[in-house]
N, C-alpha and C. Protein backbone atom coordinates (compact mmCIF):
# COMPACT_ATOMS: atom_id res chain seq x y z
N MET A 1 94.26 126.57 83.52
CA MET A 1 94.43 125.73 82.37
C MET A 1 94.20 124.26 82.74
N TYR A 2 94.98 123.72 83.70
CA TYR A 2 94.77 122.36 84.17
C TYR A 2 94.04 122.42 85.51
N PRO A 3 93.28 121.36 85.86
CA PRO A 3 92.71 121.32 87.21
C PRO A 3 93.84 121.27 88.24
N GLN A 4 93.55 121.73 89.45
CA GLN A 4 94.55 121.80 90.52
C GLN A 4 95.21 120.45 90.78
N TRP A 5 94.46 119.37 90.68
CA TRP A 5 95.01 118.06 91.01
C TRP A 5 95.84 117.45 89.88
N ALA A 6 95.81 118.04 88.68
CA ALA A 6 96.46 117.42 87.53
C ALA A 6 97.98 117.57 87.54
N TRP A 7 98.53 118.64 88.11
CA TRP A 7 99.96 118.88 87.99
C TRP A 7 100.82 117.79 88.62
N PRO A 8 100.46 117.19 89.79
CA PRO A 8 101.34 116.12 90.27
C PRO A 8 101.34 114.89 89.36
N LEU A 9 100.21 114.61 88.73
CA LEU A 9 100.13 113.46 87.83
C LEU A 9 100.97 113.71 86.58
N VAL A 10 100.88 114.91 86.02
CA VAL A 10 101.65 115.26 84.83
C VAL A 10 103.15 115.23 85.15
N ALA A 11 103.53 115.75 86.32
CA ALA A 11 104.94 115.78 86.70
C ALA A 11 105.51 114.37 86.85
N ALA A 12 104.77 113.47 87.51
CA ALA A 12 105.27 112.10 87.71
C ALA A 12 105.41 111.37 86.39
N LEU A 13 104.44 111.52 85.51
CA LEU A 13 104.52 110.86 84.21
C LEU A 13 105.63 111.45 83.35
N SER A 14 105.88 112.75 83.47
CA SER A 14 106.93 113.39 82.67
C SER A 14 108.31 112.89 83.07
N VAL A 15 108.50 112.64 84.36
CA VAL A 15 109.80 112.19 84.85
C VAL A 15 110.16 110.83 84.26
N ILE A 16 109.15 110.00 84.02
CA ILE A 16 109.41 108.68 83.45
C ILE A 16 110.05 108.80 82.07
N ALA A 17 109.68 109.83 81.34
CA ALA A 17 110.15 109.98 79.96
C ALA A 17 111.60 110.46 79.87
N VAL A 18 112.19 110.94 80.95
CA VAL A 18 113.56 111.45 80.93
C VAL A 18 114.55 110.29 80.86
N PRO A 19 115.50 110.31 79.92
CA PRO A 19 116.49 109.23 79.85
C PRO A 19 117.35 109.21 81.11
N VAL A 20 117.60 108.02 81.62
CA VAL A 20 118.40 107.91 82.83
C VAL A 20 119.82 107.43 82.57
N ARG A 21 120.08 106.91 81.40
CA ARG A 21 121.43 106.46 81.07
C ARG A 21 121.82 107.01 79.70
N ALA A 22 122.92 107.72 79.63
CA ALA A 22 123.37 108.29 78.36
C ALA A 22 123.79 107.16 77.42
N GLY A 23 123.32 107.24 76.19
CA GLY A 23 123.71 106.27 75.19
C GLY A 23 123.05 104.92 75.30
N ALA A 24 122.13 104.75 76.24
CA ALA A 24 121.46 103.45 76.39
C ALA A 24 119.97 103.68 76.54
N GLN A 25 119.19 102.78 75.99
CA GLN A 25 117.74 102.86 76.11
C GLN A 25 117.35 102.15 77.41
N ALA A 26 116.71 102.87 78.32
CA ALA A 26 116.29 102.28 79.58
C ALA A 26 115.03 101.45 79.37
N GLN A 27 114.98 100.29 80.02
CA GLN A 27 113.81 99.43 79.93
C GLN A 27 112.83 99.81 81.02
N VAL A 28 111.68 100.34 80.64
CA VAL A 28 110.66 100.74 81.60
C VAL A 28 109.75 99.55 81.86
N ALA A 29 109.58 99.20 83.12
CA ALA A 29 108.68 98.11 83.51
C ALA A 29 107.48 98.73 84.22
N VAL A 30 106.29 98.25 83.92
CA VAL A 30 105.08 98.82 84.49
C VAL A 30 104.36 97.78 85.34
N GLY A 31 103.50 98.27 86.22
CA GLY A 31 102.73 97.37 87.08
C GLY A 31 101.56 98.10 87.73
N VAL A 32 100.75 97.34 88.44
CA VAL A 32 99.61 97.90 89.17
C VAL A 32 99.55 97.28 90.56
N ASP A 33 99.04 98.06 91.50
CA ASP A 33 98.81 97.61 92.88
C ASP A 33 97.35 97.79 93.22
N ALA A 34 96.81 96.86 93.98
CA ALA A 34 95.48 96.98 94.58
C ALA A 34 95.63 96.57 96.03
N SER A 35 95.25 97.44 96.96
CA SER A 35 95.46 97.13 98.36
C SER A 35 94.33 97.67 99.23
N VAL A 36 94.19 97.06 100.40
CA VAL A 36 93.23 97.48 101.40
C VAL A 36 93.94 97.49 102.74
N GLY A 37 93.35 98.17 103.70
CA GLY A 37 93.97 98.22 105.02
C GLY A 37 93.20 99.11 105.96
N GLY A 38 93.91 99.63 106.91
CA GLY A 38 93.32 100.51 107.89
C GLY A 38 94.09 101.80 107.98
N ALA A 39 93.50 102.79 108.63
CA ALA A 39 94.15 104.09 108.77
C ALA A 39 93.71 104.73 110.09
N ARG A 40 94.53 105.66 110.53
CA ARG A 40 94.21 106.43 111.73
C ARG A 40 94.49 107.88 111.45
N GLY A 41 93.52 108.74 111.77
CA GLY A 41 93.67 110.17 111.56
C GLY A 41 94.06 110.88 112.84
N ALA A 42 94.75 112.01 112.69
CA ALA A 42 95.16 112.83 113.83
C ALA A 42 95.00 114.29 113.44
N GLY A 43 94.85 115.14 114.44
CA GLY A 43 94.69 116.57 114.22
C GLY A 43 93.23 116.97 114.21
N GLY A 44 92.97 118.20 114.57
CA GLY A 44 91.60 118.70 114.58
C GLY A 44 90.80 118.15 115.75
N GLU A 45 89.55 118.54 115.82
CA GLU A 45 88.65 118.10 116.88
C GLU A 45 87.58 117.20 116.27
N PHE A 46 87.86 115.91 116.30
CA PHE A 46 86.99 114.91 115.70
C PHE A 46 86.93 113.70 116.62
N PHE A 47 85.93 112.85 116.41
CA PHE A 47 85.91 111.55 117.08
C PHE A 47 86.00 110.48 115.99
N ASP A 48 86.11 109.24 116.38
CA ASP A 48 86.18 108.10 115.47
C ASP A 48 87.29 108.29 114.44
N ARG A 49 88.52 108.20 114.86
CA ARG A 49 89.68 108.47 114.02
C ARG A 49 90.25 107.23 113.33
N ARG A 50 89.64 106.07 113.52
CA ARG A 50 90.10 104.85 112.86
C ARG A 50 89.12 104.48 111.76
N PHE A 51 89.65 104.16 110.60
CA PHE A 51 88.77 103.88 109.47
C PHE A 51 89.45 102.97 108.46
N ALA A 52 88.69 102.56 107.46
CA ALA A 52 89.18 101.66 106.41
C ALA A 52 89.92 102.46 105.35
N ALA A 53 90.75 101.76 104.57
CA ALA A 53 91.52 102.40 103.50
C ALA A 53 91.59 101.46 102.31
N ALA A 54 91.60 102.05 101.12
CA ALA A 54 91.76 101.28 99.88
C ALA A 54 92.61 102.11 98.91
N ARG A 55 93.34 101.41 98.04
CA ARG A 55 94.24 102.10 97.12
C ARG A 55 94.38 101.30 95.83
N LEU A 56 94.36 102.01 94.70
CA LEU A 56 94.61 101.42 93.40
C LEU A 56 95.62 102.30 92.70
N ALA A 57 96.74 101.73 92.23
CA ALA A 57 97.81 102.54 91.67
C ALA A 57 98.48 101.83 90.49
N ALA A 58 98.99 102.64 89.57
CA ALA A 58 99.82 102.17 88.47
C ALA A 58 101.21 102.76 88.66
N HIS A 59 102.23 101.98 88.34
CA HIS A 59 103.59 102.47 88.54
C HIS A 59 104.50 102.04 87.40
N ALA A 60 105.56 102.78 87.24
CA ALA A 60 106.59 102.47 86.25
C ALA A 60 107.94 102.50 86.95
N ARG A 61 108.81 101.57 86.55
CA ARG A 61 110.15 101.47 87.14
C ARG A 61 111.18 101.52 86.03
N VAL A 62 112.16 102.41 86.21
CA VAL A 62 113.26 102.55 85.26
C VAL A 62 114.53 102.12 85.99
N PRO A 63 115.25 101.10 85.48
CA PRO A 63 116.46 100.65 86.16
C PRO A 63 117.57 101.70 86.08
N LEU A 64 118.26 101.88 87.20
CA LEU A 64 119.40 102.80 87.26
C LEU A 64 120.71 102.02 87.37
N LEU A 65 120.77 101.11 88.32
CA LEU A 65 121.92 100.23 88.56
C LEU A 65 121.37 98.82 88.76
N ARG A 66 122.23 97.87 88.86
CA ARG A 66 121.77 96.50 89.09
C ARG A 66 120.98 96.41 90.40
N GLY A 67 119.69 96.08 90.28
CA GLY A 67 118.83 95.93 91.45
C GLY A 67 118.26 97.22 92.00
N VAL A 68 118.62 98.37 91.45
CA VAL A 68 118.13 99.66 91.94
C VAL A 68 117.45 100.39 90.79
N GLY A 69 116.31 100.98 91.08
CA GLY A 69 115.61 101.70 90.02
C GLY A 69 114.85 102.90 90.53
N PHE A 70 114.49 103.74 89.59
CA PHE A 70 113.65 104.90 89.86
C PHE A 70 112.20 104.46 89.64
N VAL A 71 111.30 104.83 90.53
CA VAL A 71 109.90 104.44 90.40
C VAL A 71 109.01 105.68 90.46
N ALA A 72 108.00 105.71 89.60
CA ALA A 72 106.97 106.76 89.63
C ALA A 72 105.62 106.06 89.70
N GLU A 73 104.73 106.62 90.50
CA GLU A 73 103.43 105.99 90.73
C GLU A 73 102.32 107.03 90.68
N VAL A 74 101.22 106.68 90.06
CA VAL A 74 100.00 107.50 90.10
C VAL A 74 98.87 106.57 90.53
N GLY A 75 97.96 107.10 91.33
CA GLY A 75 96.88 106.25 91.80
C GLY A 75 95.77 107.04 92.46
N TYR A 76 94.83 106.30 92.98
CA TYR A 76 93.70 106.88 93.71
C TYR A 76 93.60 106.14 95.03
N GLU A 77 93.40 106.88 96.11
CA GLU A 77 93.26 106.27 97.41
C GLU A 77 92.07 106.84 98.15
N TRP A 78 91.53 106.03 99.05
CA TRP A 78 90.34 106.42 99.79
C TRP A 78 90.50 105.98 101.23
N PHE A 79 90.16 106.87 102.15
CA PHE A 79 90.16 106.59 103.58
C PHE A 79 88.79 107.01 104.10
N GLY A 80 88.03 106.09 104.65
CA GLY A 80 86.70 106.44 105.13
C GLY A 80 86.10 105.33 105.96
N PHE A 81 84.83 105.49 106.22
CA PHE A 81 84.12 104.57 107.09
C PHE A 81 83.28 103.61 106.26
N VAL A 82 83.26 102.36 106.68
CA VAL A 82 82.49 101.34 105.99
C VAL A 82 81.02 101.43 106.39
N SER A 83 80.75 101.84 107.61
CA SER A 83 79.37 101.97 108.07
C SER A 83 79.19 103.31 108.77
N GLY A 84 77.97 103.62 109.12
CA GLY A 84 77.65 104.89 109.78
C GLY A 84 78.09 104.91 111.23
N HIS A 85 77.77 105.99 111.91
CA HIS A 85 78.14 106.17 113.31
C HIS A 85 76.92 106.10 114.19
N LYS A 86 77.12 105.76 115.44
CA LYS A 86 76.03 105.75 116.41
C LYS A 86 75.56 107.18 116.65
N ALA A 87 74.32 107.32 116.96
CA ALA A 87 73.74 108.65 117.21
C ALA A 87 74.07 109.08 118.65
N ILE A 88 75.34 109.35 118.88
CA ILE A 88 75.82 109.79 120.19
C ILE A 88 76.51 111.13 119.99
N CYS A 89 76.27 112.06 120.89
CA CYS A 89 76.92 113.37 120.81
C CYS A 89 78.12 113.39 121.75
N TYR A 90 79.29 113.50 121.15
CA TYR A 90 80.51 113.70 121.93
C TYR A 90 80.72 115.20 122.01
N PRO A 91 80.71 115.79 123.22
CA PRO A 91 80.77 117.26 123.35
C PRO A 91 82.03 117.86 122.72
N ASN A 92 81.84 118.91 121.97
CA ASN A 92 82.92 119.66 121.34
C ASN A 92 83.28 120.82 122.27
N PRO A 93 84.56 121.04 122.57
CA PRO A 93 84.95 122.16 123.43
C PRO A 93 84.48 123.51 122.88
N ARG A 94 84.26 123.61 121.58
CA ARG A 94 83.79 124.85 120.97
C ARG A 94 82.27 124.95 120.95
N GLY A 95 81.60 123.95 121.50
CA GLY A 95 80.14 123.92 121.50
C GLY A 95 79.62 122.93 120.48
N GLY A 96 78.46 122.36 120.77
CA GLY A 96 77.86 121.39 119.88
C GLY A 96 78.49 120.02 120.05
N CYS A 97 78.40 119.21 118.98
CA CYS A 97 78.92 117.84 119.00
C CYS A 97 80.13 117.73 118.08
N LEU A 98 81.05 116.84 118.46
CA LEU A 98 82.21 116.59 117.60
C LEU A 98 81.77 115.82 116.36
N PRO A 99 82.27 116.21 115.18
CA PRO A 99 82.00 115.41 113.98
C PRO A 99 83.01 114.26 113.89
N PRO A 100 82.69 113.22 113.10
CA PRO A 100 83.68 112.17 112.89
C PRO A 100 84.82 112.71 112.01
N PHE A 101 85.98 112.04 112.08
CA PHE A 101 87.10 112.42 111.22
C PHE A 101 86.62 112.33 109.78
N PRO A 102 86.92 113.32 108.95
CA PRO A 102 86.36 113.33 107.60
C PRO A 102 86.92 112.22 106.71
N ALA A 103 86.06 111.72 105.81
CA ALA A 103 86.51 110.77 104.79
C ALA A 103 87.40 111.53 103.81
N VAL A 104 88.46 110.87 103.35
CA VAL A 104 89.45 111.49 102.48
C VAL A 104 89.61 110.61 101.24
N GLY A 105 89.68 111.22 100.06
CA GLY A 105 89.91 110.43 98.85
C GLY A 105 90.40 111.31 97.72
N GLY A 106 91.20 110.75 96.84
CA GLY A 106 91.65 111.50 95.69
C GLY A 106 92.89 110.92 95.05
N PRO A 107 93.34 111.56 93.96
CA PRO A 107 94.53 111.07 93.24
C PRO A 107 95.82 111.46 93.95
N ALA A 108 96.83 110.63 93.77
CA ALA A 108 98.16 110.88 94.34
C ALA A 108 99.22 110.52 93.31
N ALA A 109 100.34 111.22 93.34
CA ALA A 109 101.48 110.96 92.45
C ALA A 109 102.74 110.95 93.29
N LEU A 110 103.56 109.91 93.16
CA LEU A 110 104.77 109.76 93.95
C LEU A 110 105.96 109.38 93.07
N VAL A 111 107.15 109.74 93.51
CA VAL A 111 108.39 109.31 92.88
C VAL A 111 109.32 108.83 93.98
N GLY A 112 110.18 107.86 93.63
CA GLY A 112 111.09 107.33 94.64
C GLY A 112 112.05 106.33 94.09
N VAL A 113 112.53 105.45 94.98
CA VAL A 113 113.53 104.46 94.62
C VAL A 113 112.99 103.07 94.92
N SER A 114 113.38 102.13 94.08
CA SER A 114 112.99 100.73 94.22
C SER A 114 114.26 99.90 94.28
N ILE A 115 114.33 99.02 95.27
CA ILE A 115 115.49 98.14 95.43
C ILE A 115 115.00 96.70 95.33
N GLU A 116 115.65 95.92 94.46
CA GLU A 116 115.32 94.50 94.30
C GLU A 116 116.55 93.68 94.68
N PRO A 117 116.64 93.24 95.94
CA PRO A 117 117.79 92.43 96.34
C PRO A 117 117.81 91.08 95.62
N THR A 118 116.62 90.55 95.27
CA THR A 118 116.49 89.32 94.48
C THR A 118 115.32 89.53 93.51
N ARG A 119 115.16 88.61 92.59
CA ARG A 119 114.02 88.69 91.67
C ARG A 119 112.69 88.49 92.38
N ALA A 120 112.71 87.89 93.56
CA ALA A 120 111.48 87.59 94.28
C ALA A 120 111.13 88.61 95.34
N ALA A 121 111.90 89.69 95.49
CA ALA A 121 111.63 90.68 96.53
C ALA A 121 111.88 92.08 96.00
N GLU A 122 111.11 93.03 96.52
CA GLU A 122 111.28 94.43 96.13
C GLU A 122 110.94 95.31 97.33
N LEU A 123 111.76 96.33 97.55
CA LEU A 123 111.53 97.34 98.58
C LEU A 123 111.41 98.68 97.88
N ARG A 124 110.42 99.50 98.29
CA ARG A 124 110.25 100.81 97.67
C ARG A 124 110.04 101.88 98.73
N ALA A 125 110.56 103.07 98.45
CA ALA A 125 110.32 104.25 99.27
C ALA A 125 110.04 105.40 98.31
N ALA A 126 109.00 106.17 98.58
CA ALA A 126 108.62 107.25 97.67
C ALA A 126 108.00 108.40 98.44
N ILE A 127 107.99 109.56 97.79
CA ILE A 127 107.36 110.75 98.35
C ILE A 127 106.64 111.46 97.21
N GLY A 128 105.56 112.15 97.53
CA GLY A 128 104.83 112.84 96.47
C GLY A 128 103.73 113.72 97.01
N THR A 129 102.81 114.03 96.13
CA THR A 129 101.70 114.91 96.48
C THR A 129 100.38 114.25 96.14
N ALA A 130 99.32 114.78 96.73
CA ALA A 130 97.98 114.28 96.45
C ALA A 130 97.01 115.46 96.43
N ALA A 131 95.90 115.27 95.77
CA ALA A 131 94.82 116.27 95.73
C ALA A 131 93.57 115.58 96.26
N TYR A 132 93.36 115.65 97.55
CA TYR A 132 92.27 114.94 98.19
C TYR A 132 90.99 115.78 98.21
N ASN A 133 89.88 115.06 98.20
CA ASN A 133 88.58 115.68 98.34
C ASN A 133 88.06 115.36 99.74
N ILE A 134 87.82 116.41 100.52
CA ILE A 134 87.29 116.25 101.87
C ILE A 134 86.04 117.11 101.97
N ASN A 135 84.89 116.48 102.12
CA ASN A 135 83.62 117.22 102.23
C ASN A 135 83.47 118.24 101.11
N ASP A 136 83.68 117.82 99.88
CA ASP A 136 83.54 118.67 98.69
C ASP A 136 84.54 119.82 98.63
N THR A 137 85.65 119.70 99.34
CA THR A 137 86.73 120.69 99.30
C THR A 137 87.99 119.98 98.82
N ARG A 138 88.64 120.52 97.78
CA ARG A 138 89.86 119.92 97.23
C ARG A 138 91.05 120.49 97.99
N LEU A 139 91.87 119.61 98.59
CA LEU A 139 93.02 120.03 99.38
C LEU A 139 94.27 119.29 98.96
N GLY A 140 95.40 119.97 98.95
CA GLY A 140 96.67 119.35 98.65
C GLY A 140 97.22 118.64 99.87
N ALA A 141 98.06 117.64 99.65
CA ALA A 141 98.67 116.89 100.74
C ALA A 141 100.05 116.40 100.32
N ILE A 142 100.87 116.08 101.31
CA ILE A 142 102.19 115.49 101.10
C ILE A 142 102.08 114.02 101.53
N VAL A 143 102.60 113.12 100.71
CA VAL A 143 102.46 111.68 100.95
C VAL A 143 103.84 111.03 101.01
N GLY A 144 104.10 110.27 102.05
CA GLY A 144 105.29 109.44 102.16
C GLY A 144 104.88 107.98 102.12
N HIS A 145 105.66 107.13 101.45
CA HIS A 145 105.24 105.75 101.21
C HIS A 145 106.44 104.81 101.33
N VAL A 146 106.26 103.69 102.01
CA VAL A 146 107.23 102.59 102.03
C VAL A 146 106.48 101.28 101.87
N ASP A 147 107.06 100.34 101.12
CA ASP A 147 106.43 99.03 101.00
C ASP A 147 107.47 97.97 100.70
N ALA A 148 107.04 96.74 100.90
CA ALA A 148 107.86 95.57 100.56
C ALA A 148 106.96 94.59 99.82
N ALA A 149 107.50 93.99 98.77
CA ALA A 149 106.72 93.03 97.98
C ALA A 149 107.50 91.73 97.86
N PHE A 150 106.75 90.64 97.86
CA PHE A 150 107.30 89.30 97.66
C PHE A 150 106.60 88.70 96.45
N TYR A 151 107.36 88.17 95.50
CA TYR A 151 106.82 87.63 94.26
C TYR A 151 106.99 86.12 94.20
N PRO A 152 105.91 85.35 94.43
CA PRO A 152 106.02 83.91 94.26
C PRO A 152 106.20 83.52 92.79
N THR A 153 105.69 84.36 91.87
CA THR A 153 105.94 84.20 90.44
C THR A 153 106.46 85.52 89.91
N ALA A 154 106.99 85.55 88.72
CA ALA A 154 107.63 86.75 88.18
C ALA A 154 106.66 87.92 88.02
N GLY A 155 105.40 87.67 87.69
CA GLY A 155 104.49 88.77 87.42
C GLY A 155 103.46 89.05 88.50
N PHE A 156 103.43 88.25 89.57
CA PHE A 156 102.41 88.40 90.61
C PHE A 156 103.08 88.40 91.98
N GLY A 157 102.70 89.38 92.81
CA GLY A 157 103.29 89.45 94.14
C GLY A 157 102.32 89.94 95.18
N PHE A 158 102.73 89.78 96.43
CA PHE A 158 101.99 90.30 97.57
C PHE A 158 102.76 91.49 98.11
N VAL A 159 102.04 92.56 98.46
CA VAL A 159 102.69 93.78 98.91
C VAL A 159 102.09 94.21 100.25
N GLY A 160 102.93 94.78 101.08
CA GLY A 160 102.50 95.34 102.36
C GLY A 160 103.32 96.56 102.66
N GLY A 161 102.73 97.53 103.33
CA GLY A 161 103.49 98.73 103.63
C GLY A 161 102.70 99.74 104.42
N ALA A 162 103.20 100.97 104.41
CA ALA A 162 102.59 102.06 105.17
C ALA A 162 102.74 103.36 104.40
N ARG A 163 101.81 104.26 104.67
CA ARG A 163 101.84 105.61 104.10
C ARG A 163 101.59 106.61 105.22
N SER A 164 102.23 107.74 105.11
CA SER A 164 101.99 108.85 106.02
C SER A 164 101.57 110.05 105.18
N ILE A 165 100.44 110.64 105.53
CA ILE A 165 99.86 111.72 104.75
C ILE A 165 99.68 112.93 105.64
N ALA A 166 100.15 114.08 105.15
CA ALA A 166 99.98 115.35 105.88
C ALA A 166 99.13 116.29 105.04
N ILE A 167 98.01 116.69 105.59
CA ILE A 167 97.12 117.66 104.96
C ILE A 167 97.33 118.96 105.73
N PRO A 168 98.06 119.93 105.14
CA PRO A 168 98.48 121.10 105.90
C PRO A 168 97.36 121.95 106.49
N ARG A 169 96.23 122.03 105.80
CA ARG A 169 95.20 122.93 106.33
C ARG A 169 93.81 122.45 105.95
N TYR A 170 93.02 122.09 106.98
CA TYR A 170 91.62 121.75 106.80
C TYR A 170 90.85 122.36 107.96
N GLN A 171 89.99 123.30 107.69
CA GLN A 171 89.21 124.02 108.70
C GLN A 171 90.11 124.56 109.81
N GLY A 172 91.25 125.10 109.41
CA GLY A 172 92.18 125.71 110.37
C GLY A 172 93.07 124.72 111.10
N ASP A 173 92.99 123.44 110.80
CA ASP A 173 93.79 122.43 111.49
C ASP A 173 94.67 121.68 110.49
N ARG A 174 95.77 121.15 111.00
CA ARG A 174 96.63 120.27 110.20
C ARG A 174 96.23 118.84 110.51
N LEU A 175 95.89 118.09 109.47
CA LEU A 175 95.48 116.70 109.66
C LEU A 175 96.58 115.77 109.16
N THR A 176 96.73 114.64 109.81
CA THR A 176 97.62 113.59 109.34
C THR A 176 96.85 112.28 109.32
N VAL A 177 97.20 111.44 108.37
CA VAL A 177 96.61 110.11 108.27
C VAL A 177 97.76 109.12 108.13
N THR A 178 97.78 108.11 108.98
CA THR A 178 98.76 107.04 108.90
C THR A 178 98.03 105.80 108.45
N GLN A 179 98.49 105.21 107.35
CA GLN A 179 97.81 104.07 106.76
C GLN A 179 98.75 102.87 106.72
N TRP A 180 98.20 101.69 106.96
CA TRP A 180 98.91 100.43 106.70
C TRP A 180 98.08 99.68 105.68
N PHE A 181 98.72 98.89 104.85
CA PHE A 181 97.97 98.19 103.81
C PHE A 181 98.62 96.87 103.44
N ILE A 182 97.79 95.98 102.89
CA ILE A 182 98.25 94.74 102.27
C ILE A 182 97.50 94.60 100.95
N GLY A 183 98.12 93.93 100.00
CA GLY A 183 97.44 93.79 98.72
C GLY A 183 98.24 92.95 97.75
N VAL A 184 97.91 93.13 96.48
CA VAL A 184 98.58 92.39 95.42
C VAL A 184 99.24 93.37 94.46
N ARG A 185 100.31 92.92 93.82
CA ARG A 185 101.01 93.71 92.82
C ARG A 185 101.20 92.84 91.58
N LEU A 186 100.75 93.37 90.46
CA LEU A 186 101.00 92.74 89.17
C LEU A 186 102.05 93.58 88.47
N ARG A 187 103.06 92.93 87.92
CA ARG A 187 104.12 93.68 87.24
C ARG A 187 104.52 92.98 85.96
N GLN A 188 105.05 93.78 85.07
CA GLN A 188 105.56 93.25 83.81
C GLN A 188 106.79 92.41 84.10
N ARG A 189 106.87 91.26 83.49
CA ARG A 189 108.06 90.42 83.65
C ARG A 189 109.22 91.07 82.92
N ARG A 190 110.36 91.18 83.57
CA ARG A 190 111.50 91.84 82.95
C ARG A 190 112.78 91.15 83.36
N SER A 191 113.80 91.34 82.56
CA SER A 191 115.12 90.79 82.90
C SER A 191 115.89 91.85 83.67
N ARG A 192 116.82 91.42 84.48
CA ARG A 192 117.63 92.37 85.26
C ARG A 192 118.59 93.09 84.33
N PRO A 193 118.89 94.40 84.58
CA PRO A 193 119.85 95.13 83.73
C PRO A 193 121.26 94.61 83.92
């Protein structure tokens, strides 16, 4: 009925619609992130495991307590190479040449907690799933995310953080990607609950 990658997106968006406080209308604040960075892959028999990363995401935050909120995020991320590889054969123990670590890209959906100790700072931790495309093969993954943002103005901030991605099975191997990123965050201006 739905494509394989659609269920995490539908689940994250559905959670936003659930009331979090009885008898009170929760104020949902929305925002977007755009970030770039680097990543390192592990697992499998590959060479050239360091590559570029980019991410574009939309998120919604529902306040739970003063300074603490529930956050849901949907986005698209890409991990790959900016340029080609040298024509060098690194011997593969199984015969032939080692391929480079595969480029990874696809949609991701996460849910977690957001802490705002002040109006100018935000810390987030989230976990979720992704449906990545690797060499024309769609694979599920588990994504862990932490970030910190600083807002010089109410609606614009700088964000930095890290993601850990586990792809349970690709060509018989478990792959992991560790990403670091920096970027910008635009958010709806809101008053504290």
